[in-house]
Amino acid sequence: MSPRSKPAAQPPDSVHHPLFARFYARASATAETHGIAALRRELLHGVSGRVIEIGAGNGLNFPHYPRAVSEVVAVEPERTLRRLAVSAALRAEVPVDVVPGVAEALPVKSEAFDAAVASLVLCTVRDLPRTLAELHRVLRPDAELRFLEHGLAPGPGMAAVQRGLDRTVWPRLFGGCHTSRDPLASIEAAGFRIVSHRAFRLPERGPALPTSYCVIGSARRSPE
């Protein structure tokens, strides 16, 4: 697919997980007080210009966008979460336009954004390479991709558990989430250059969960 070409549109509500969406809205609000809000601030620090955010969920990133951001186009396919995101956008200090759409077929023009944000979403998209190709398409040359994701565990034992869960119950229970994807490798394979990243475990203490292995960082869209 040419980076300047736009793929055929998909139905904006082709992702529909109403039960999980309600669970996520409650659980994510609790998680904000247990370190996630600080990670969102770290993720978005220094972002400026016109930004596209994929999988905006219920809009928990919106309060953390710096005032140097001129506009956020927030794409969210799940209608329950999108309604919550619209409410959150009204309270944001920067202009936020919440739109329906899927990450694999973003409803925007090529090379139209100064930055992109992927926050706890690459685990859920149906086609990860296509999603990242779309982000590459819509960013201007050398524009920045900010990411905060969970992914593949470094040890073989938990990695095997993750793969088993992904083949069976986990995506069905958690809105399409996959625990064993490798966000760094996938971002690089899509033509981005990793600028910085920090790996960490969440929660830091106690037993590890399949979703505990996280990474936060930034990458640059390679010039054509």
N, C-alpha and C. Protein backbone atom coordinates (compact mmCIF):
# COMPACT_ATOMS: atom_id res chain seq x y z
N MET A 1 0.85 -1.20 0.00
CA MET A 1 0.00 0.00 0.00
C MET A 1 0.88 1.24 0.00
N SER A 2 0.67 2.13 -0.90
CA SER A 2 1.42 3.37 -0.96
C SER A 2 1.14 4.20 0.28
N PRO A 3 2.16 4.86 0.86
CA PRO A 3 1.93 5.65 2.07
C PRO A 3 0.99 6.81 1.84
N ARG A 4 0.81 7.22 0.59
CA ARG A 4 -0.10 8.33 0.32
C ARG A 4 -1.50 7.87 -0.07
N SER A 5 -1.67 6.57 -0.24
CA SER A 5 -2.99 6.07 -0.61
C SER A 5 -3.85 5.90 0.62
N LYS A 6 -5.14 5.98 0.44
CA LYS A 6 -6.06 5.83 1.54
C LYS A 6 -6.87 4.56 1.34
N PRO A 7 -6.86 3.61 2.32
CA PRO A 7 -7.58 2.36 2.13
C PRO A 7 -9.07 2.57 2.18
N ALA A 8 -9.78 1.57 1.69
CA ALA A 8 -11.24 1.63 1.72
C ALA A 8 -11.73 1.74 3.15
N ALA A 9 -12.75 2.55 3.35
CA ALA A 9 -13.28 2.76 4.69
C ALA A 9 -13.93 1.49 5.21
N GLN A 10 -13.85 1.31 6.53
CA GLN A 10 -14.54 0.23 7.20
C GLN A 10 -15.67 0.81 8.02
N PRO A 11 -16.70 0.01 8.34
CA PRO A 11 -17.79 0.53 9.15
C PRO A 11 -17.27 1.06 10.48
N PRO A 12 -17.63 2.28 10.88
CA PRO A 12 -17.08 2.88 12.08
C PRO A 12 -17.40 2.10 13.34
N ASP A 13 -18.50 1.36 13.37
CA ASP A 13 -18.87 0.59 14.55
C ASP A 13 -18.62 -0.89 14.34
N SER A 14 -17.64 -1.25 13.50
CA SER A 14 -17.32 -2.64 13.29
C SER A 14 -16.66 -3.25 14.52
N VAL A 15 -16.24 -2.40 15.48
CA VAL A 15 -15.75 -2.85 16.78
C VAL A 15 -16.83 -2.52 17.80
N HIS A 16 -17.40 -3.55 18.41
CA HIS A 16 -18.51 -3.32 19.33
C HIS A 16 -18.40 -4.31 20.48
N HIS A 17 -17.98 -3.82 21.64
CA HIS A 17 -17.84 -4.64 22.84
C HIS A 17 -18.51 -3.91 24.00
N PRO A 18 -19.85 -3.84 24.01
CA PRO A 18 -20.52 -3.00 25.02
C PRO A 18 -20.26 -3.44 26.45
N LEU A 19 -20.23 -4.74 26.72
CA LEU A 19 -19.99 -5.20 28.09
C LEU A 19 -18.58 -4.87 28.53
N PHE A 20 -17.61 -5.16 27.67
CA PHE A 20 -16.23 -4.83 28.01
C PHE A 20 -16.05 -3.32 28.14
N ALA A 21 -16.71 -2.56 27.28
CA ALA A 21 -16.57 -1.10 27.32
C ALA A 21 -17.01 -0.56 28.67
N ARG A 22 -18.12 -1.06 29.20
CA ARG A 22 -18.58 -0.59 30.52
C ARG A 22 -17.61 -1.02 31.62
N PHE A 23 -17.10 -2.26 31.53
CA PHE A 23 -16.11 -2.72 32.50
C PHE A 23 -14.84 -1.86 32.41
N TYR A 24 -14.38 -1.60 31.19
CA TYR A 24 -13.15 -0.82 31.00
C TYR A 24 -13.31 0.59 31.56
N ALA A 25 -14.46 1.20 31.32
CA ALA A 25 -14.68 2.57 31.80
C ALA A 25 -14.55 2.63 33.32
N ARG A 26 -15.09 1.64 34.02
CA ARG A 26 -14.99 1.63 35.49
C ARG A 26 -13.56 1.31 35.93
N ALA A 27 -12.96 0.27 35.34
CA ALA A 27 -11.64 -0.18 35.77
C ALA A 27 -10.57 0.87 35.46
N SER A 28 -10.68 1.54 34.31
CA SER A 28 -9.67 2.52 33.93
C SER A 28 -9.70 3.73 34.84
N ALA A 29 -10.88 4.12 35.30
CA ALA A 29 -10.98 5.25 36.21
C ALA A 29 -10.26 4.94 37.52
N THR A 30 -10.37 3.70 38.00
CA THR A 30 -9.66 3.29 39.21
C THR A 30 -8.16 3.26 38.97
N ALA A 31 -7.76 2.75 37.81
CA ALA A 31 -6.33 2.63 37.51
C ALA A 31 -5.64 3.99 37.44
N GLU A 32 -6.37 5.05 37.12
CA GLU A 32 -5.77 6.37 37.03
C GLU A 32 -5.13 6.79 38.35
N THR A 33 -5.68 6.33 39.46
CA THR A 33 -5.14 6.70 40.76
C THR A 33 -4.03 5.76 41.21
N HIS A 34 -3.68 4.79 40.38
CA HIS A 34 -2.64 3.82 40.72
C HIS A 34 -1.49 3.87 39.70
N GLY A 35 -1.14 5.08 39.27
CA GLY A 35 0.03 5.26 38.44
C GLY A 35 -0.21 5.49 36.97
N ILE A 36 -1.40 5.20 36.46
CA ILE A 36 -1.64 5.33 35.02
C ILE A 36 -1.70 6.80 34.61
N ALA A 37 -2.26 7.65 35.45
CA ALA A 37 -2.33 9.08 35.12
C ALA A 37 -0.93 9.66 34.95
N ALA A 38 0.01 9.26 35.81
CA ALA A 38 1.38 9.75 35.69
C ALA A 38 2.02 9.27 34.40
N LEU A 39 1.72 8.06 33.99
CA LEU A 39 2.24 7.54 32.72
C LEU A 39 1.66 8.31 31.54
N ARG A 40 0.40 8.68 31.62
CA ARG A 40 -0.20 9.47 30.54
C ARG A 40 0.48 10.84 30.43
N ARG A 41 0.78 11.44 31.56
CA ARG A 41 1.49 12.73 31.53
C ARG A 41 2.88 12.57 30.91
N GLU A 42 3.57 11.50 31.27
CA GLU A 42 4.88 11.23 30.68
C GLU A 42 4.77 10.99 29.18
N LEU A 43 3.77 10.24 28.79
CA LEU A 43 3.56 9.92 27.37
C LEU A 43 3.38 11.17 26.53
N LEU A 44 2.63 12.14 27.04
CA LEU A 44 2.21 13.29 26.24
C LEU A 44 3.06 14.54 26.47
N HIS A 45 4.00 14.46 27.36
CA HIS A 45 4.83 15.63 27.65
C HIS A 45 5.57 16.10 26.38
N GLY A 46 5.42 17.38 26.07
CA GLY A 46 6.12 17.97 24.93
C GLY A 46 5.47 17.78 23.58
N VAL A 47 4.34 17.10 23.51
CA VAL A 47 3.64 16.94 22.24
C VAL A 47 3.09 18.30 21.80
N SER A 48 3.13 18.56 20.50
CA SER A 48 2.63 19.84 20.00
C SER A 48 2.05 19.67 18.61
N GLY A 49 1.36 20.72 18.16
CA GLY A 49 0.80 20.71 16.81
C GLY A 49 -0.49 19.92 16.71
N ARG A 50 -0.73 19.37 15.54
CA ARG A 50 -1.95 18.61 15.26
C ARG A 50 -1.68 17.14 15.53
N VAL A 51 -2.52 16.52 16.35
CA VAL A 51 -2.28 15.17 16.86
C VAL A 51 -3.45 14.26 16.49
N ILE A 52 -3.14 13.03 16.12
CA ILE A 52 -4.16 12.00 15.98
C ILE A 52 -3.93 10.95 17.05
N GLU A 53 -4.99 10.61 17.76
CA GLU A 53 -4.94 9.55 18.77
C GLU A 53 -5.84 8.41 18.32
N ILE A 54 -5.30 7.21 18.27
CA ILE A 54 -6.11 6.05 17.87
C ILE A 54 -6.57 5.30 19.12
N GLY A 55 -7.77 4.75 19.04
CA GLY A 55 -8.32 4.03 20.18
C GLY A 55 -8.37 4.89 21.42
N ALA A 56 -9.02 6.03 21.31
CA ALA A 56 -9.03 7.00 22.40
C ALA A 56 -9.80 6.53 23.62
N GLY A 57 -10.56 5.45 23.48
CA GLY A 57 -11.30 4.91 24.62
C GLY A 57 -12.26 5.92 25.20
N ASN A 58 -12.24 6.06 26.54
CA ASN A 58 -13.13 7.00 27.20
C ASN A 58 -12.48 8.36 27.44
N GLY A 59 -11.38 8.63 26.74
CA GLY A 59 -10.82 9.97 26.73
C GLY A 59 -9.93 10.32 27.90
N LEU A 60 -9.31 9.33 28.53
CA LEU A 60 -8.51 9.62 29.71
C LEU A 60 -7.20 10.32 29.40
N ASN A 61 -6.76 10.29 28.15
CA ASN A 61 -5.57 11.07 27.78
C ASN A 61 -5.86 12.56 27.65
N PHE A 62 -7.09 12.92 27.39
CA PHE A 62 -7.41 14.30 26.99
C PHE A 62 -6.94 15.35 28.01
N PRO A 63 -7.07 15.13 29.32
CA PRO A 63 -6.64 16.18 30.26
C PRO A 63 -5.13 16.40 30.27
N HIS A 64 -4.36 15.50 29.67
CA HIS A 64 -2.91 15.57 29.78
C HIS A 64 -2.23 16.14 28.53
N TYR A 65 -3.01 16.53 27.53
CA TYR A 65 -2.40 17.13 26.35
C TYR A 65 -1.91 18.54 26.67
N PRO A 66 -0.65 18.88 26.31
CA PRO A 66 -0.14 20.23 26.56
C PRO A 66 -0.88 21.27 25.72
N ARG A 67 -0.81 22.49 26.16
CA ARG A 67 -1.52 23.56 25.45
C ARG A 67 -0.87 23.88 24.11
N ALA A 68 0.33 23.38 23.86
CA ALA A 68 0.97 23.55 22.55
C ALA A 68 0.29 22.72 21.47
N VAL A 69 -0.60 21.81 21.86
CA VAL A 69 -1.36 21.02 20.89
C VAL A 69 -2.48 21.88 20.32
N SER A 70 -2.52 22.00 19.01
CA SER A 70 -3.54 22.83 18.37
C SER A 70 -4.86 22.10 18.16
N GLU A 71 -4.80 20.78 17.99
CA GLU A 71 -6.01 19.98 17.78
C GLU A 71 -5.67 18.51 18.01
N VAL A 72 -6.61 17.80 18.60
CA VAL A 72 -6.53 16.34 18.70
C VAL A 72 -7.70 15.74 17.94
N VAL A 73 -7.39 14.89 16.97
CA VAL A 73 -8.42 14.08 16.32
C VAL A 73 -8.37 12.72 16.98
N ALA A 74 -9.38 12.39 17.75
CA ALA A 74 -9.41 11.17 18.56
C ALA A 74 -10.34 10.15 17.89
N VAL A 75 -9.77 9.07 17.43
CA VAL A 75 -10.52 8.04 16.71
C VAL A 75 -10.88 6.92 17.67
N GLU A 76 -12.16 6.61 17.79
CA GLU A 76 -12.61 5.53 18.67
C GLU A 76 -13.75 4.77 18.00
N PRO A 77 -13.57 3.47 17.74
CA PRO A 77 -14.60 2.71 17.02
C PRO A 77 -15.75 2.21 17.90
N GLU A 78 -15.52 2.05 19.21
CA GLU A 78 -16.52 1.44 20.07
C GLU A 78 -17.49 2.51 20.55
N ARG A 79 -18.77 2.35 20.25
CA ARG A 79 -19.71 3.45 20.43
C ARG A 79 -19.91 3.84 21.90
N THR A 80 -19.88 2.87 22.81
CA THR A 80 -20.06 3.19 24.24
C THR A 80 -18.89 4.04 24.73
N LEU A 81 -17.68 3.62 24.41
CA LEU A 81 -16.50 4.39 24.80
C LEU A 81 -16.46 5.74 24.09
N ARG A 82 -16.91 5.76 22.84
CA ARG A 82 -16.89 7.02 22.08
C ARG A 82 -17.80 8.07 22.73
N ARG A 83 -18.95 7.65 23.23
CA ARG A 83 -19.84 8.60 23.91
C ARG A 83 -19.15 9.18 25.15
N LEU A 84 -18.44 8.35 25.88
CA LEU A 84 -17.71 8.84 27.05
C LEU A 84 -16.58 9.77 26.63
N ALA A 85 -15.93 9.46 25.52
CA ALA A 85 -14.84 10.31 25.03
C ALA A 85 -15.36 11.68 24.62
N VAL A 86 -16.54 11.73 24.03
CA VAL A 86 -17.12 13.02 23.65
C VAL A 86 -17.33 13.89 24.88
N SER A 87 -17.83 13.29 25.96
CA SER A 87 -18.00 14.04 27.21
C SER A 87 -16.67 14.53 27.74
N ALA A 88 -15.65 13.67 27.68
CA ALA A 88 -14.32 14.06 28.16
C ALA A 88 -13.73 15.17 27.31
N ALA A 89 -14.01 15.16 26.01
CA ALA A 89 -13.49 16.19 25.11
C ALA A 89 -14.02 17.57 25.47
N LEU A 90 -15.24 17.63 25.96
CA LEU A 90 -15.83 18.91 26.33
C LEU A 90 -15.10 19.55 27.51
N ARG A 91 -14.43 18.72 28.31
CA ARG A 91 -13.72 19.23 29.49
C ARG A 91 -12.23 19.47 29.23
N ALA A 92 -11.76 19.11 28.05
CA ALA A 92 -10.33 19.22 27.75
C ALA A 92 -9.93 20.67 27.55
N GLU A 93 -8.65 20.98 27.81
CA GLU A 93 -8.14 22.34 27.65
C GLU A 93 -7.61 22.59 26.25
N VAL A 94 -7.59 21.57 25.40
CA VAL A 94 -7.21 21.73 24.00
C VAL A 94 -8.37 21.24 23.15
N PRO A 95 -8.48 21.69 21.89
CA PRO A 95 -9.58 21.23 21.04
C PRO A 95 -9.44 19.74 20.73
N VAL A 96 -10.49 18.99 21.01
CA VAL A 96 -10.52 17.55 20.74
C VAL A 96 -11.75 17.22 19.91
N ASP A 97 -11.53 16.58 18.77
CA ASP A 97 -12.62 16.15 17.90
C ASP A 97 -12.67 14.63 17.94
N VAL A 98 -13.70 14.07 18.53
CA VAL A 98 -13.86 12.62 18.64
C VAL A 98 -14.63 12.12 17.43
N VAL A 99 -14.04 11.16 16.71
CA VAL A 99 -14.66 10.69 15.48
C VAL A 99 -14.72 9.16 15.49
N PRO A 100 -15.73 8.58 14.81
CA PRO A 100 -15.76 7.13 14.65
C PRO A 100 -14.75 6.69 13.60
N GLY A 101 -14.29 5.48 13.73
CA GLY A 101 -13.34 4.94 12.76
C GLY A 101 -12.52 3.84 13.37
N VAL A 102 -11.87 3.07 12.51
CA VAL A 102 -11.00 2.00 12.97
C VAL A 102 -9.56 2.34 12.62
N ALA A 103 -8.64 1.85 13.41
CA ALA A 103 -7.24 2.20 13.24
C ALA A 103 -6.67 1.67 11.92
N GLU A 104 -7.26 0.61 11.40
CA GLU A 104 -6.78 0.04 10.15
C GLU A 104 -7.21 0.83 8.92
N ALA A 105 -8.10 1.80 9.09
CA ALA A 105 -8.57 2.63 7.98
C ALA A 105 -8.93 4.00 8.52
N LEU A 106 -7.93 4.78 8.86
CA LEU A 106 -8.16 6.06 9.51
C LEU A 106 -8.86 7.04 8.56
N PRO A 107 -9.91 7.71 9.03
CA PRO A 107 -10.71 8.58 8.17
C PRO A 107 -10.12 9.98 8.02
N VAL A 108 -8.81 10.04 7.70
CA VAL A 108 -8.12 11.33 7.60
C VAL A 108 -7.16 11.29 6.42
N LYS A 109 -6.69 12.47 6.02
CA LYS A 109 -5.80 12.58 4.88
C LYS A 109 -4.37 12.15 5.24
N SER A 110 -3.60 11.85 4.21
CA SER A 110 -2.20 11.48 4.39
C SER A 110 -1.36 12.68 4.80
N GLU A 111 -0.33 12.40 5.60
CA GLU A 111 0.65 13.41 6.02
C GLU A 111 -0.01 14.67 6.57
N ALA A 112 -1.00 14.46 7.44
CA ALA A 112 -1.79 15.59 7.95
C ALA A 112 -1.51 15.90 9.41
N PHE A 113 -0.63 15.13 10.07
CA PHE A 113 -0.47 15.28 11.51
C PHE A 113 0.99 15.40 11.91
N ASP A 114 1.20 16.17 13.00
CA ASP A 114 2.53 16.38 13.55
C ASP A 114 2.92 15.30 14.56
N ALA A 115 1.94 14.61 15.09
CA ALA A 115 2.20 13.56 16.07
C ALA A 115 1.02 12.60 16.11
N ALA A 116 1.32 11.37 16.54
CA ALA A 116 0.29 10.36 16.74
C ALA A 116 0.48 9.75 18.11
N VAL A 117 -0.62 9.30 18.70
CA VAL A 117 -0.60 8.71 20.03
C VAL A 117 -1.30 7.36 19.98
N ALA A 118 -0.60 6.33 20.46
CA ALA A 118 -1.16 4.99 20.62
C ALA A 118 -0.99 4.61 22.08
N SER A 119 -2.09 4.53 22.80
CA SER A 119 -2.05 4.33 24.24
C SER A 119 -2.93 3.15 24.62
N LEU A 120 -2.30 2.02 24.95
CA LEU A 120 -3.00 0.81 25.36
C LEU A 120 -4.04 0.40 24.32
N VAL A 121 -3.62 0.44 23.05
CA VAL A 121 -4.54 0.12 21.96
C VAL A 121 -3.96 -0.87 20.95
N LEU A 122 -2.64 -0.90 20.79
CA LEU A 122 -2.05 -1.80 19.79
C LEU A 122 -2.30 -3.26 20.12
N CYS A 123 -2.61 -3.55 21.37
CA CYS A 123 -2.95 -4.92 21.75
C CYS A 123 -4.30 -5.35 21.22
N THR A 124 -5.17 -4.39 20.91
CA THR A 124 -6.55 -4.73 20.57
C THR A 124 -6.88 -4.64 19.09
N VAL A 125 -6.07 -3.94 18.31
CA VAL A 125 -6.42 -3.76 16.90
C VAL A 125 -6.41 -5.12 16.18
N ARG A 126 -7.27 -5.25 15.20
CA ARG A 126 -7.39 -6.54 14.51
C ARG A 126 -6.21 -6.83 13.61
N ASP A 127 -5.63 -5.80 13.02
CA ASP A 127 -4.50 -5.98 12.09
C ASP A 127 -3.42 -4.97 12.49
N LEU A 128 -2.44 -5.44 13.25
CA LEU A 128 -1.41 -4.53 13.78
C LEU A 128 -0.54 -3.94 12.68
N PRO A 129 -0.01 -4.72 11.72
CA PRO A 129 0.79 -4.10 10.66
C PRO A 129 0.02 -3.04 9.87
N ARG A 130 -1.24 -3.31 9.58
CA ARG A 130 -2.02 -2.34 8.82
C ARG A 130 -2.28 -1.07 9.64
N THR A 131 -2.52 -1.24 10.93
CA THR A 131 -2.71 -0.08 11.80
C THR A 131 -1.47 0.81 11.80
N LEU A 132 -0.30 0.21 11.94
CA LEU A 132 0.92 1.00 11.96
C LEU A 132 1.22 1.60 10.60
N ALA A 133 0.86 0.90 9.53
CA ALA A 133 0.99 1.48 8.20
C ALA A 133 0.10 2.71 8.04
N GLU A 134 -1.06 2.67 8.63
CA GLU A 134 -1.96 3.83 8.59
C GLU A 134 -1.37 5.01 9.38
N LEU A 135 -0.80 4.73 10.53
CA LEU A 135 -0.16 5.81 11.28
C LEU A 135 1.01 6.40 10.49
N HIS A 136 1.75 5.56 9.83
CA HIS A 136 2.84 6.03 8.97
C HIS A 136 2.29 6.92 7.86
N ARG A 137 1.15 6.53 7.30
CA ARG A 137 0.55 7.28 6.20
C ARG A 137 0.11 8.68 6.63
N VAL A 138 -0.50 8.79 7.81
CA VAL A 138 -1.14 10.05 8.18
C VAL A 138 -0.17 11.03 8.84
N LEU A 139 1.02 10.56 9.24
CA LEU A 139 2.00 11.45 9.84
C LEU A 139 2.86 12.13 8.78
N ARG A 140 3.25 13.35 9.07
CA ARG A 140 4.19 14.04 8.21
C ARG A 140 5.57 13.40 8.34
N PRO A 141 6.43 13.52 7.32
CA PRO A 141 7.78 12.96 7.43
C PRO A 141 8.50 13.46 8.68
N ASP A 142 9.10 12.53 9.41
CA ASP A 142 9.84 12.78 10.64
C ASP A 142 8.94 13.17 11.80
N ALA A 143 7.62 13.02 11.64
CA ALA A 143 6.71 13.28 12.75
C ALA A 143 6.83 12.16 13.78
N GLU A 144 6.27 12.42 14.95
CA GLU A 144 6.51 11.55 16.11
C GLU A 144 5.31 10.68 16.42
N LEU A 145 5.59 9.43 16.76
CA LEU A 145 4.60 8.51 17.31
C LEU A 145 4.93 8.29 18.78
N ARG A 146 4.00 8.63 19.66
CA ARG A 146 4.15 8.34 21.08
C ARG A 146 3.36 7.07 21.40
N PHE A 147 3.94 6.19 22.20
CA PHE A 147 3.27 4.93 22.50
C PHE A 147 3.43 4.54 23.96
N LEU A 148 2.37 3.96 24.50
CA LEU A 148 2.33 3.37 25.83
C LEU A 148 1.55 2.08 25.68
N GLU A 149 2.25 0.95 25.76
CA GLU A 149 1.63 -0.33 25.44
C GLU A 149 2.13 -1.43 26.38
N HIS A 150 1.34 -2.49 26.50
CA HIS A 150 1.83 -3.71 27.14
C HIS A 150 2.10 -4.73 26.04
N GLY A 151 2.92 -5.73 26.37
CA GLY A 151 3.26 -6.69 25.33
C GLY A 151 3.97 -7.92 25.86
N LEU A 152 4.76 -8.50 24.99
CA LEU A 152 5.38 -9.80 25.22
C LEU A 152 6.34 -9.76 26.41
N ALA A 153 6.20 -10.74 27.30
CA ALA A 153 7.08 -10.85 28.46
C ALA A 153 8.49 -11.23 28.02
N PRO A 154 9.52 -10.79 28.75
CA PRO A 154 10.89 -11.13 28.37
C PRO A 154 11.26 -12.57 28.67
N GLY A 155 10.60 -13.20 29.63
CA GLY A 155 10.93 -14.58 29.98
C GLY A 155 10.09 -15.59 29.22
N PRO A 156 10.65 -16.77 28.91
CA PRO A 156 9.92 -17.77 28.11
C PRO A 156 8.68 -18.32 28.79
N GLY A 157 8.71 -18.41 30.12
CA GLY A 157 7.56 -18.99 30.82
C GLY A 157 6.31 -18.16 30.67
N MET A 158 6.38 -16.88 31.05
CA MET A 158 5.21 -16.02 30.92
C MET A 158 4.85 -15.80 29.46
N ALA A 159 5.85 -15.72 28.57
CA ALA A 159 5.55 -15.55 27.15
C ALA A 159 4.71 -16.71 26.62
N ALA A 160 5.01 -17.93 27.07
CA ALA A 160 4.23 -19.09 26.66
C ALA A 160 2.81 -19.00 27.19
N VAL A 161 2.67 -18.53 28.43
CA VAL A 161 1.33 -18.33 29.00
C VAL A 161 0.56 -17.31 28.17
N GLN A 162 1.21 -16.21 27.83
CA GLN A 162 0.56 -15.16 27.04
C GLN A 162 0.07 -15.70 25.70
N ARG A 163 0.91 -16.45 25.02
CA ARG A 163 0.52 -16.99 23.71
C ARG A 163 -0.66 -17.94 23.84
N GLY A 164 -0.65 -18.74 24.90
CA GLY A 164 -1.77 -19.64 25.11
C GLY A 164 -3.06 -18.89 25.37
N LEU A 165 -2.98 -17.84 26.18
CA LEU A 165 -4.17 -17.03 26.45
C LEU A 165 -4.69 -16.36 25.19
N ASP A 166 -3.76 -15.86 24.36
CA ASP A 166 -4.17 -15.17 23.14
C ASP A 166 -4.86 -16.10 22.15
N ARG A 167 -4.52 -17.38 22.18
CA ARG A 167 -5.15 -18.35 21.28
C ARG A 167 -6.51 -18.81 21.79
N THR A 168 -6.82 -18.50 23.04
CA THR A 168 -8.03 -19.07 23.64
C THR A 168 -8.97 -17.98 24.18
N VAL A 169 -8.89 -17.71 25.48
CA VAL A 169 -9.97 -16.93 26.11
C VAL A 169 -9.72 -15.44 26.19
N TRP A 170 -8.45 -15.01 26.22
CA TRP A 170 -8.18 -13.61 26.57
C TRP A 170 -8.84 -12.60 25.63
N PRO A 171 -8.66 -12.72 24.32
CA PRO A 171 -9.30 -11.72 23.44
C PRO A 171 -10.81 -11.68 23.57
N ARG A 172 -11.44 -12.81 23.82
CA ARG A 172 -12.90 -12.82 23.95
C ARG A 172 -13.36 -12.14 25.22
N LEU A 173 -12.57 -12.29 26.28
CA LEU A 173 -12.97 -11.71 27.56
C LEU A 173 -12.65 -10.22 27.66
N PHE A 174 -11.61 -9.78 26.96
CA PHE A 174 -11.11 -8.43 27.16
C PHE A 174 -11.08 -7.60 25.89
N GLY A 175 -12.18 -7.62 25.17
CA GLY A 175 -12.38 -6.68 24.06
C GLY A 175 -11.39 -6.79 22.93
N GLY A 176 -10.90 -8.01 22.65
CA GLY A 176 -9.95 -8.20 21.56
C GLY A 176 -8.50 -8.03 21.95
N CYS A 177 -8.21 -7.84 23.24
CA CYS A 177 -6.84 -7.64 23.70
C CYS A 177 -5.99 -8.89 23.48
N HIS A 178 -4.75 -8.68 23.03
CA HIS A 178 -3.75 -9.74 22.89
C HIS A 178 -2.56 -9.38 23.78
N THR A 179 -2.09 -10.35 24.55
CA THR A 179 -1.05 -10.06 25.54
C THR A 179 0.36 -10.29 25.02
N SER A 180 0.52 -11.00 23.89
CA SER A 180 1.87 -11.42 23.47
C SER A 180 2.40 -10.67 22.26
N ARG A 181 1.79 -9.56 21.90
CA ARG A 181 2.33 -8.76 20.80
C ARG A 181 3.60 -8.03 21.23
N ASP A 182 4.45 -7.73 20.28
CA ASP A 182 5.72 -7.04 20.55
C ASP A 182 5.64 -5.65 19.94
N PRO A 183 5.24 -4.64 20.72
CA PRO A 183 5.01 -3.33 20.12
C PRO A 183 6.26 -2.70 19.53
N LEU A 184 7.41 -2.82 20.19
CA LEU A 184 8.63 -2.20 19.66
C LEU A 184 9.02 -2.78 18.31
N ALA A 185 9.04 -4.10 18.21
CA ALA A 185 9.41 -4.74 16.94
C ALA A 185 8.42 -4.39 15.85
N SER A 186 7.14 -4.34 16.18
CA SER A 186 6.12 -4.03 15.18
C SER A 186 6.23 -2.60 14.69
N ILE A 187 6.51 -1.67 15.62
CA ILE A 187 6.66 -0.26 15.24
C ILE A 187 7.85 -0.09 14.30
N GLU A 188 8.96 -0.73 14.61
CA GLU A 188 10.14 -0.65 13.75
C GLU A 188 9.88 -1.27 12.40
N ALA A 189 9.18 -2.38 12.36
CA ALA A 189 8.89 -3.06 11.10
C ALA A 189 8.00 -2.22 10.19
N ALA A 190 7.25 -1.29 10.78
CA ALA A 190 6.35 -0.44 10.00
C ALA A 190 7.04 0.80 9.43
N GLY A 191 8.34 0.93 9.64
CA GLY A 191 9.06 2.06 9.06
C GLY A 191 9.29 3.22 10.01
N PHE A 192 9.14 2.96 11.31
CA PHE A 192 9.42 3.99 12.30
C PHE A 192 10.80 3.74 12.91
N ARG A 193 11.42 4.81 13.36
CA ARG A 193 12.71 4.72 14.06
C ARG A 193 12.46 5.01 15.54
N ILE A 194 12.75 4.02 16.38
CA ILE A 194 12.57 4.21 17.82
C ILE A 194 13.57 5.25 18.30
N VAL A 195 13.06 6.29 18.95
CA VAL A 195 13.90 7.37 19.47
C VAL A 195 14.25 7.12 20.94
N SER A 196 13.27 6.74 21.71
CA SER A 196 13.49 6.45 23.12
C SER A 196 12.41 5.50 23.60
N HIS A 197 12.75 4.70 24.60
CA HIS A 197 11.74 3.84 25.20
C HIS A 197 12.20 3.42 26.59
N ARG A 198 11.23 3.10 27.41
CA ARG A 198 11.48 2.62 28.76
C ARG A 198 10.55 1.45 29.03
N ALA A 199 11.14 0.30 29.37
CA ALA A 199 10.36 -0.88 29.71
C ALA A 199 10.13 -0.90 31.23
N PHE A 200 8.97 -1.35 31.65
CA PHE A 200 8.67 -1.42 33.07
C PHE A 200 7.57 -2.46 33.30
N ARG A 201 7.39 -2.80 34.56
CA ARG A 201 6.35 -3.76 34.93
C ARG A 201 5.26 -3.04 35.70
N LEU A 202 4.03 -3.39 35.44
CA LEU A 202 2.89 -2.78 36.10
C LEU A 202 1.91 -3.89 36.53
N PRO A 203 1.67 -4.05 37.83
CA PRO A 203 2.25 -3.29 38.93
C PRO A 203 3.72 -3.67 39.16
N GLU A 204 4.46 -2.77 39.82
CA GLU A 204 5.87 -2.99 40.05
C GLU A 204 6.12 -4.13 41.03
N ARG A 205 5.22 -4.27 42.00
CA ARG A 205 5.39 -5.29 43.03
C ARG A 205 4.26 -6.31 42.94
N GLY A 206 4.53 -7.48 43.53
CA GLY A 206 3.51 -8.51 43.56
C GLY A 206 3.59 -9.41 42.34
N PRO A 207 2.66 -10.36 42.23
CA PRO A 207 2.68 -11.31 41.11
C PRO A 207 2.50 -10.59 39.77
N ALA A 208 3.21 -11.07 38.77
CA ALA A 208 3.07 -10.50 37.43
C ALA A 208 1.80 -11.00 36.77
N LEU A 209 1.17 -10.13 36.02
CA LEU A 209 0.00 -10.47 35.23
C LEU A 209 0.40 -10.62 33.77
N PRO A 210 -0.43 -11.24 32.94
CA PRO A 210 -0.10 -11.32 31.51
C PRO A 210 0.05 -9.95 30.85
N THR A 211 -0.53 -8.93 31.45
CA THR A 211 -0.46 -7.57 30.89
C THR A 211 0.54 -6.68 31.63
N SER A 212 1.39 -7.25 32.45
CA SER A 212 2.28 -6.45 33.30
C SER A 212 3.48 -5.87 32.58
N TYR A 213 3.83 -6.39 31.41
CA TYR A 213 5.09 -6.03 30.76
C TYR A 213 4.84 -4.89 29.77
N CYS A 214 5.27 -3.70 30.16
CA CYS A 214 4.88 -2.49 29.43
C CYS A 214 6.08 -1.75 28.88
N VAL A 215 5.80 -0.87 27.92
CA VAL A 215 6.83 -0.02 27.34
C VAL A 215 6.21 1.33 27.01
N ILE A 216 6.97 2.39 27.26
CA ILE A 216 6.55 3.75 26.91
C ILE A 216 7.68 4.40 26.14
N GLY A 217 7.34 5.16 25.12
CA GLY A 217 8.42 5.77 24.35
C GLY A 217 7.92 6.55 23.16
N SER A 218 8.85 6.84 22.26
CA SER A 218 8.53 7.61 21.06
C SER A 218 9.31 7.07 19.88
N ALA A 219 8.76 7.29 18.69
CA ALA A 219 9.40 6.87 17.44
C ALA A 219 9.15 7.95 16.40
N ARG A 220 9.97 7.96 15.36
CA ARG A 220 9.83 8.92 14.30
C ARG A 220 9.46 8.21 12.99
N ARG A 221 8.56 8.84 12.25
CA ARG A 221 8.20 8.33 10.92
C ARG A 221 9.37 8.55 9.98
N SER A 222 9.81 7.51 9.34
CA SER A 222 10.95 7.63 8.43
C SER A 222 10.56 8.44 7.21
N PRO A 223 11.43 9.33 6.74
CA PRO A 223 11.15 10.08 5.50
C PRO A 223 11.08 9.11 4.31
N GLU A 224 10.31 9.47 3.33
CA GLU A 224 10.20 8.61 2.13
C GLU A 224 11.38 8.85 1.21
